[in-house]
Amino acid sequence: MITYVKNPELFVVFDIVKARTAAYFTAANLWHTRKILSKGPHWYDTEYDSLRNISLSTNTHLFILFPKPFFRLESVESERRYWQKEFVISEVGSQHFELGQNIAFVTVLVPHPAKENPEKWIKKIKWVESKPAGRGLYVEIQDGNRKIMIGAKRDLRLEMFREWRRPKYTYKSGKIQYGQFATNGDYFFATKTKRQLALTVVNLTKAVYGNQILFQQAPGQFGLAFDGSPDSAGVAKVRYWRDKVLLSR
């Protein structure tokens, strides 16, 4: 899943690997480059100056940051790729997976002018653990007086807890807390200033910020229960919800 942020220009990449059988697996998050100009703990400033026999402009570099480095092994290896010498930057996780278990990688890519020092982004980009831990991916980006919030659910089937009636989920079964924001949506993008929150949430029934309910889908009637029971009320998800909300103090 790739989120392109127009201002400031950057990309937030969520990679999720889900096991379809119980076994030992190794998952790798790979990024290729021609040159590594500088590096530090979990970050790399890179450049592509050629593609085989084609010279490329070096006016723009790419800053690569892994904000979620827990339980990962990072390495840099030289390689031959597209008939030229390159480097592969890898972030690797290896473990025994139970059926349906997943592993996730988070990468932030920041294109920047060659003369600009990209290390300022290290303090501006922050990984925040979801609650319950491990159920969601969440990144905060500080941009002046504005905070950008991007989050996603790691397992889209996790909230399905009943088989005998529709909908098979409830808000409680799919709720994930991302900082002060809570929803059972699959993905969200939000920008927050002091008093206003602008956001888009995908596939949800409810969204809450702090104690303020931002959106709540109305209940409806659901028939054709799989166990033959009478029709009953339930709350179905909406495809997406987008709004600007004034936050209460």
Foldseek 3Di string as FASTA:
>chain_A
DWDADVVVGKIKDKDKDWDQAWFKDKDKDKDKAADFPDDDVQKTKGAHQDQQPGGDDGQKIKIKGFQPQPQWDWDKDWDQDNNDIIIMIMIMHIDTDHRGDMDMTIMMIHIDTPPDDPPVQVVQKHWDAKVVGPQKTWIWGDDPQKIKIKMFGNHLCQQQDDQFFPPSGAFVSQWMGDPQKIWSFGIKIWMDGPFKIWMKTAWTQWIDGNNRTPHHADKDWGDPGNVPDGIDIDTGTDGMDTDMDTHDD
